[in-house]
C-alpha atoms as a PDB file:
ATOM      1  CA  MET A   1       6.208  -5.868 -18.559  1.00  0.00           C
ATOM      2  CA  ALA A   2       3.128  -3.933 -20.283  1.00  0.00           C
ATOM      3  CA  SER A   3       0.529  -2.204 -17.953  1.00  0.00           C
ATOM      4  CA  GLY A   4      -2.284  -4.278 -16.577  1.00  0.00           C
ATOM      5  CA  GLU A   5      -0.333  -7.527 -17.257  1.00  0.00           C
ATOM      6  CA  LEU A   6       0.432  -9.859 -13.970  1.00  0.00           C
ATOM      7  CA  HIS A   7       3.478 -10.751 -12.841  1.00  0.00           C
ATOM      8  CA  SER A   8       2.811 -14.455 -12.970  1.00  0.00           C
ATOM      9  CA  ALA A   9       0.056 -16.672 -14.587  1.00  0.00           C
ATOM     10  CA  GLN A  10       0.073 -18.461 -11.856  1.00  0.00           C
ATOM     11  CA  ASN A  11      -1.776 -16.114  -9.249  1.00  0.00           C
ATOM     12  CA  VAL A  12      -1.583 -18.701  -6.712  1.00  0.00           C
ATOM     13  CA  PRO A  13      -4.540 -18.879  -4.156  1.00  0.00           C
ATOM     14  CA  LEU A  14      -3.712 -18.682  -0.461  1.00  0.00           C
ATOM     15  CA  PRO A  15      -3.566 -21.617   1.573  1.00  0.00           C
ATOM     16  CA  PHE A  16      -6.224 -22.529   4.246  1.00  0.00           C
ATOM     17  CA  GLY A  17      -5.012 -22.325   7.514  1.00  0.00           C
ATOM     18  CA  VAL A  18      -4.835 -19.977  10.962  1.00  0.00           C
ATOM     19  CA  ASP A  19      -1.615 -17.684  11.564  1.00  0.00           C
ATOM     20  CA  ASP A  20      -0.472 -16.180  14.480  1.00  0.00           C
ATOM     21  CA  ILE A  21       0.075 -12.354  13.208  1.00  0.00           C
ATOM     22  CA  LYS A  22       2.152 -11.467  16.513  1.00  0.00           C
ATOM     23  CA  SER A  23       4.689 -13.786  15.674  1.00  0.00           C
ATOM     24  CA  MET A  24       4.570 -12.928  11.951  1.00  0.00           C
ATOM     25  CA  ILE A  25       5.388  -9.142  12.652  1.00  0.00           C
ATOM     26  CA  GLY A  26       8.921  -9.838  14.135  1.00  0.00           C
ATOM     27  CA  ARG A  27      10.228 -11.413  10.811  1.00  0.00           C
ATOM     28  CA  LYS A  28      10.522  -8.601   8.600  1.00  0.00           C
ATOM     29  CA  VAL A  29       9.914  -4.845   8.721  1.00  0.00           C
ATOM     30  CA  TRP A  30      10.265  -2.661   5.509  1.00  0.00           C
ATOM     31  CA  ASN A  31      11.192   1.584   6.043  1.00  0.00           C
ATOM     32  CA  VAL A  32       9.910   3.356   3.305  1.00  0.00           C
ATOM     33  CA  LEU A  33      10.348   7.311   3.399  1.00  0.00           C
ATOM     34  CA  GLY A  34       9.468   7.227   7.355  1.00  0.00           C
ATOM     35  CA  THR A  35       6.548   4.596   7.036  1.00  0.00           C
ATOM     36  CA  SER A  36       6.833   1.229   8.548  1.00  0.00           C
ATOM     37  CA  TYR A  37       5.428  -1.677   6.710  1.00  0.00           C
ATOM     38  CA  TRP A  38       5.451  -5.511   8.212  1.00  0.00           C
ATOM     39  CA  PRO A  39       4.439  -8.257   5.652  1.00  0.00           C
ATOM     40  CA  ILE A  40       1.724 -10.773   7.287  1.00  0.00           C
ATOM     41  CA  LEU A  41       0.227 -12.761   4.174  1.00  0.00           C
ATOM     42  CA  GLY A  42       0.519 -13.836   0.888  1.00  0.00           C
ATOM     43  CA  GLY A  43       3.221 -12.575  -1.679  1.00  0.00           C
ATOM     44  CA  ASP A  44       4.049 -11.887  -5.314  1.00  0.00           C
ATOM     45  CA  ASP A  45       2.540 -14.730  -7.109  1.00  0.00           C
ATOM     46  CA  GLN A  46      -0.414 -15.447  -4.804  1.00  0.00           C
ATOM     47  CA  SER A  47      -4.004 -14.083  -4.816  1.00  0.00           C
ATOM     48  CA  SER A  48      -3.377 -11.556  -2.508  1.00  0.00           C
ATOM     49  CA  PHE A  49      -0.662  -9.743  -0.313  1.00  0.00           C
ATOM     50  CA  ALA A  50      -1.685  -7.983   3.004  1.00  0.00           C
ATOM     51  CA  TRP A  51       0.653  -5.737   5.474  1.00  0.00           C
ATOM     52  CA  LEU A  52       0.723  -3.702   8.563  1.00  0.00           C
ATOM     53  CA  THR A  53       1.527  -0.246   8.266  1.00  0.00           C
ATOM     54  CA  TYR A  54       2.805   2.333  11.133  1.00  0.00           C
ATOM     55  CA  ASP A  55       2.326   5.915   9.901  1.00  0.00           C
ATOM     56  CA  PRO A  56       3.591   9.078  12.051  1.00  0.00           C
ATOM     57  CA  PRO A  57       1.928  12.003  11.921  1.00  0.00           C
ATOM     58  CA  GLY A  58       2.494  14.228   8.785  1.00  0.00           C
ATOM     59  CA  SER A  59       3.455  11.282   6.945  1.00  0.00           C
ATOM     60  CA  PHE A  60       1.656  10.521   3.529  1.00  0.00           C
ATOM     61  CA  ILE A  61       1.626   8.361   0.106  1.00  0.00           C
ATOM     62  CA  PRO A  62       0.897  10.390  -2.590  1.00  0.00           C
ATOM     63  CA  PRO A  63      -1.851   9.661  -5.506  1.00  0.00           C
ATOM     64  CA  HIS A  64      -0.964   6.694  -7.230  1.00  0.00           C
ATOM     65  CA  THR A  65      -2.607   3.959  -9.550  1.00  0.00           C
ATOM     66  CA  HIS A  66      -2.563   0.113  -9.443  1.00  0.00           C
ATOM     67  CA  PRO A  67      -4.013  -0.816 -12.770  1.00  0.00           C
ATOM     68  CA  ILE A  68      -4.568  -4.676 -12.099  1.00  0.00           C
ATOM     69  CA  GLN A  69      -4.793  -4.534  -8.379  1.00  0.00           C
ATOM     70  CA  ASP A  70      -7.789  -3.419  -5.633  1.00  0.00           C
ATOM     71  CA  GLU A  71      -6.432  -1.796  -2.813  1.00  0.00           C
ATOM     72  CA  HIS A  72      -8.272  -2.127   0.736  1.00  0.00           C
ATOM     73  CA  VAL A  73      -7.363  -0.684   4.287  1.00  0.00           C
ATOM     74  CA  PHE A  74      -8.897  -1.427   7.785  1.00  0.00           C
ATOM     75  CA  VAL A  75      -8.051   1.254  10.164  1.00  0.00           C
ATOM     76  CA  LEU A  76      -6.489  -0.020  13.220  1.00  0.00           C
ATOM     77  CA  GLU A  77      -5.759   3.069  15.138  1.00  0.00           C
ATOM     78  CA  GLY A  78      -5.694   6.973  14.573  1.00  0.00           C
ATOM     79  CA  GLU A  79      -6.925   8.527  11.550  1.00  0.00           C
ATOM     80  CA  TYR A  80      -6.226   8.545   7.883  1.00  0.00           C
ATOM     81  CA  SER A  81      -7.192  11.074   5.790  1.00  0.00           C
ATOM     82  CA  LEU A  82      -7.968   9.325   2.179  1.00  0.00           C
ATOM     83  CA  TYR A  83      -7.819  10.450  -1.235  1.00  0.00           C
ATOM     84  CA  LYS A  84      -9.555   8.811  -4.362  1.00  0.00           C
ATOM     85  CA  ASP A  85     -10.309  10.614  -7.598  1.00  0.00           C
ATOM     86  CA  GLY A  86      -9.846  14.107  -6.476  1.00  0.00           C
ATOM     87  CA  GLU A  87     -12.167  13.395  -3.231  1.00  0.00           C
ATOM     88  CA  TRP A  88     -11.099  13.072   0.393  1.00  0.00           C
ATOM     89  CA  MET A  89     -12.702  11.057   3.199  1.00  0.00           C
ATOM     90  CA  THR A  90     -11.725  10.314   6.637  1.00  0.00           C
ATOM     91  CA  ALA A  91     -11.075   6.877   8.233  1.00  0.00           C
ATOM     92  CA  LYS A  92     -11.181   5.629  11.523  1.00  0.00           C
ATOM     93  CA  PRO A  93     -10.580   2.571  13.866  1.00  0.00           C
ATOM     94  CA  GLY A  94     -12.901  -0.230  12.620  1.00  0.00           C
ATOM     95  CA  ASP A  95     -13.625   1.623   9.078  1.00  0.00           C
ATOM     96  CA  HIS A  96     -12.815  -0.520   5.752  1.00  0.00           C
ATOM     97  CA  VAL A  97     -12.103   0.934   2.429  1.00  0.00           C
ATOM     98  CA  CYS A  98     -11.369   0.123  -0.967  1.00  0.00           C
ATOM     99  CA  TRP A  99      -9.589   1.708  -3.715  1.00  0.00           C
ATOM    100  CA  PRO A 100     -10.418   0.184  -6.926  1.00  0.00           C
ATOM    101  CA  ARG A 101      -7.913  -1.043  -9.287  1.00  0.00           C
ATOM    102  CA  GLY A 102      -7.040   1.820 -11.734  1.00  0.00           C
ATOM    103  CA  SER A 103      -8.448   4.878  -9.140  1.00  0.00           C
ATOM    104  CA  SER A 104      -5.704   7.575  -8.431  1.00  0.00           C
ATOM    105  CA  HIS A 105      -5.714   6.988  -4.527  1.00  0.00           C
ATOM    106  CA  GLY A 106      -3.196   7.825  -1.440  1.00  0.00           C
ATOM    107  CA  TYR A 107      -3.384   9.031   1.999  1.00  0.00           C
ATOM    108  CA  ARG A 108      -2.115  11.266   4.624  1.00  0.00           C
ATOM    109  CA  ILE A 109      -2.016  11.565   8.595  1.00  0.00           C
ATOM    110  CA  ASP A 110      -3.102  14.948   9.344  1.00  0.00           C
ATOM    111  CA  ALA A 111      -3.680  14.106  13.166  1.00  0.00           C
ATOM    112  CA  ASP A 112      -0.960  14.674  15.938  1.00  0.00           C
ATOM    113  CA  LYS A 113      -0.833  11.205  16.521  1.00  0.00           C
ATOM    114  CA  PRO A 114      -0.025   8.007  14.602  1.00  0.00           C
ATOM    115  CA  ALA A 115      -2.039   5.694  12.566  1.00  0.00           C
ATOM    116  CA  ARG A 116      -1.923   2.049  12.093  1.00  0.00           C
ATOM    117  CA  GLY A 117      -3.773  -0.047   9.552  1.00  0.00           C
ATOM    118  CA  LEU A 118      -3.810  -3.294   7.964  1.00  0.00           C
ATOM    119  CA  PHE A 119      -3.707  -2.858   4.071  1.00  0.00           C
ATOM    120  CA  TRP A 120      -3.937  -5.589   1.292  1.00  0.00           C
ATOM    121  CA  VAL A 121      -3.930  -5.787  -2.536  1.00  0.00           C
ATOM    122  CA  SER A 122      -5.304  -8.446  -4.583  1.00  0.00           C
ATOM    123  CA  PRO A 123      -3.736  -9.841  -6.718  1.00  0.00           C
ATOM    124  CA  GLY A 124      -0.229  -9.502  -4.695  1.00  0.00           C
ATOM    125  CA  ASN A 125       1.841  -9.167  -8.146  1.00  0.00           C
ATOM    126  CA  ASP A 126       5.052  -7.783  -7.259  1.00  0.00           C
ATOM    127  CA  LEU A 127       4.195  -6.040  -4.080  1.00  0.00           C
ATOM    128  CA  SER A 128       6.308  -7.721  -1.597  1.00  0.00           C
ATOM    129  CA  SER A 129       9.105  -7.809  -4.070  1.00  0.00           C
ATOM    130  CA  LEU A 130       9.089  -3.929  -4.630  1.00  0.00           C
ATOM    131  CA  PHE A 131       8.714  -3.417  -0.783  1.00  0.00           C
ATOM    132  CA  ASP A 132      12.303  -5.041  -0.573  1.00  0.00           C
ATOM    133  CA  GLU A 133      13.589  -2.932  -3.172  1.00  0.00           C
ATOM    134  CA  LEU A 134      12.326   0.248  -1.569  1.00  0.00           C
ATOM    135  CA  HIS A 135      13.368  -0.529   1.953  1.00  0.00           C
ATOM    136  CA  ASN A 136      15.867   2.329   3.118  1.00  0.00           C
ATOM    137  CA  GLN A 137      15.552   3.887  -0.291  1.00  0.00           C
ATOM    138  CA  ALA A 138      16.185   7.613   0.845  1.00  0.00           C
ATOM    139  CA  SER A 139      15.099   9.397  -2.523  1.00  0.00           C
ATOM    140  CA  PRO A 140      11.642   9.813  -3.928  1.00  0.00           C
ATOM    141  CA  GLU A 141      12.289   9.797  -6.944  1.00  0.00           C
ATOM    142  CA  GLU A 142      13.716   6.075  -7.238  1.00  0.00           C
ATOM    143  CA  VAL A 143      10.811   5.150  -5.196  1.00  0.00           C
ATOM    144  CA  VAL A 144       8.644   6.523  -7.951  1.00  0.00           C
ATOM    145  CA  ARG A 145      10.933   4.904 -10.997  1.00  0.00           C
ATOM    146  CA  LEU A 146      11.014   1.482  -8.754  1.00  0.00           C
ATOM    147  CA  SER A 147       7.491   1.609  -8.276  1.00  0.00           C
ATOM    148  CA  GLY A 148       6.775   2.107 -12.030  1.00  0.00           C
ATOM    149  CA  LEU A 149       8.817  -0.643 -13.197  1.00  0.00           C
ATOM    150  CA  ARG A 150       6.070  -2.909 -10.564  1.00  0.00           C
ATOM    151  CA  ASN A 151       3.050  -1.464 -12.190  1.00  0.00           C
ATOM    152  CA  ILE A 152       2.583   1.243  -9.123  1.00  0.00           C
ATOM    153  CA  LEU A 153       1.866   4.433 -11.044  1.00  0.00           C
ATOM    154  CA  PHE A 154       2.674   7.706  -9.044  1.00  0.00           C
ATOM    155  CA  ALA A 155       0.909  10.469 -10.488  1.00  0.00           C
ATOM    156  CA  LYS A 156       3.381  13.714 -11.234  1.00  0.00           C
ATOM    157  CA  PRO A 157       3.395  16.334  -8.460  1.00  0.00           C
ATOM    158  CA  GLY A 158       0.554  18.918  -9.469  1.00  0.00           C
ATOM    159  CA  THR A 159      -1.373  16.660 -11.603  1.00  0.00           C
ATOM    160  CA  SER A 160      -4.300  15.239  -9.188  1.00  0.00           C
ATOM    161  CA  PRO A 161      -6.924  17.517  -8.595  1.00  0.00           C
ATOM    162  CA  ASN A 162      -7.186  18.838  -4.891  1.00  0.00           C
ATOM    163  CA  PHE A 163      -4.190  16.910  -3.293  1.00  0.00           C
ATOM    164  CA  GLU A 164      -2.338  19.654  -1.698  1.00  0.00           C
END
């Protein structure tokens, strides 16, 4: 798949309806290098994909790029130190952040308490399948390799300005 290509020409809209998020959380959980993810809405071929996270203190997602997806987070609990293109900001409960497609972004949990967020991307474009592949993966190098196959491009260590 070439950079910038959608997984599917379908990009199916999400159906109208009301979902009980509490019942959805118990269906599936992914563990990716210490962070827990619960899918709650959408999927690969749909117009968006959303998931809840549990991020323990000290955890982080290094800088990466989604060439064809916008990524959002709505902070539910705790604090996220958010990175975008060399700049840092702090997001607290009730804050919404958008990382536009093509931006280099990541986050870390600097506080001594965990954080929880509602994340989503639009379009969904393979992210749900990627989380299936990354579940319980112990090797950061393999996480980076598999992510690249799904058009999530991680920066090489030391190449992102101001990311320690």
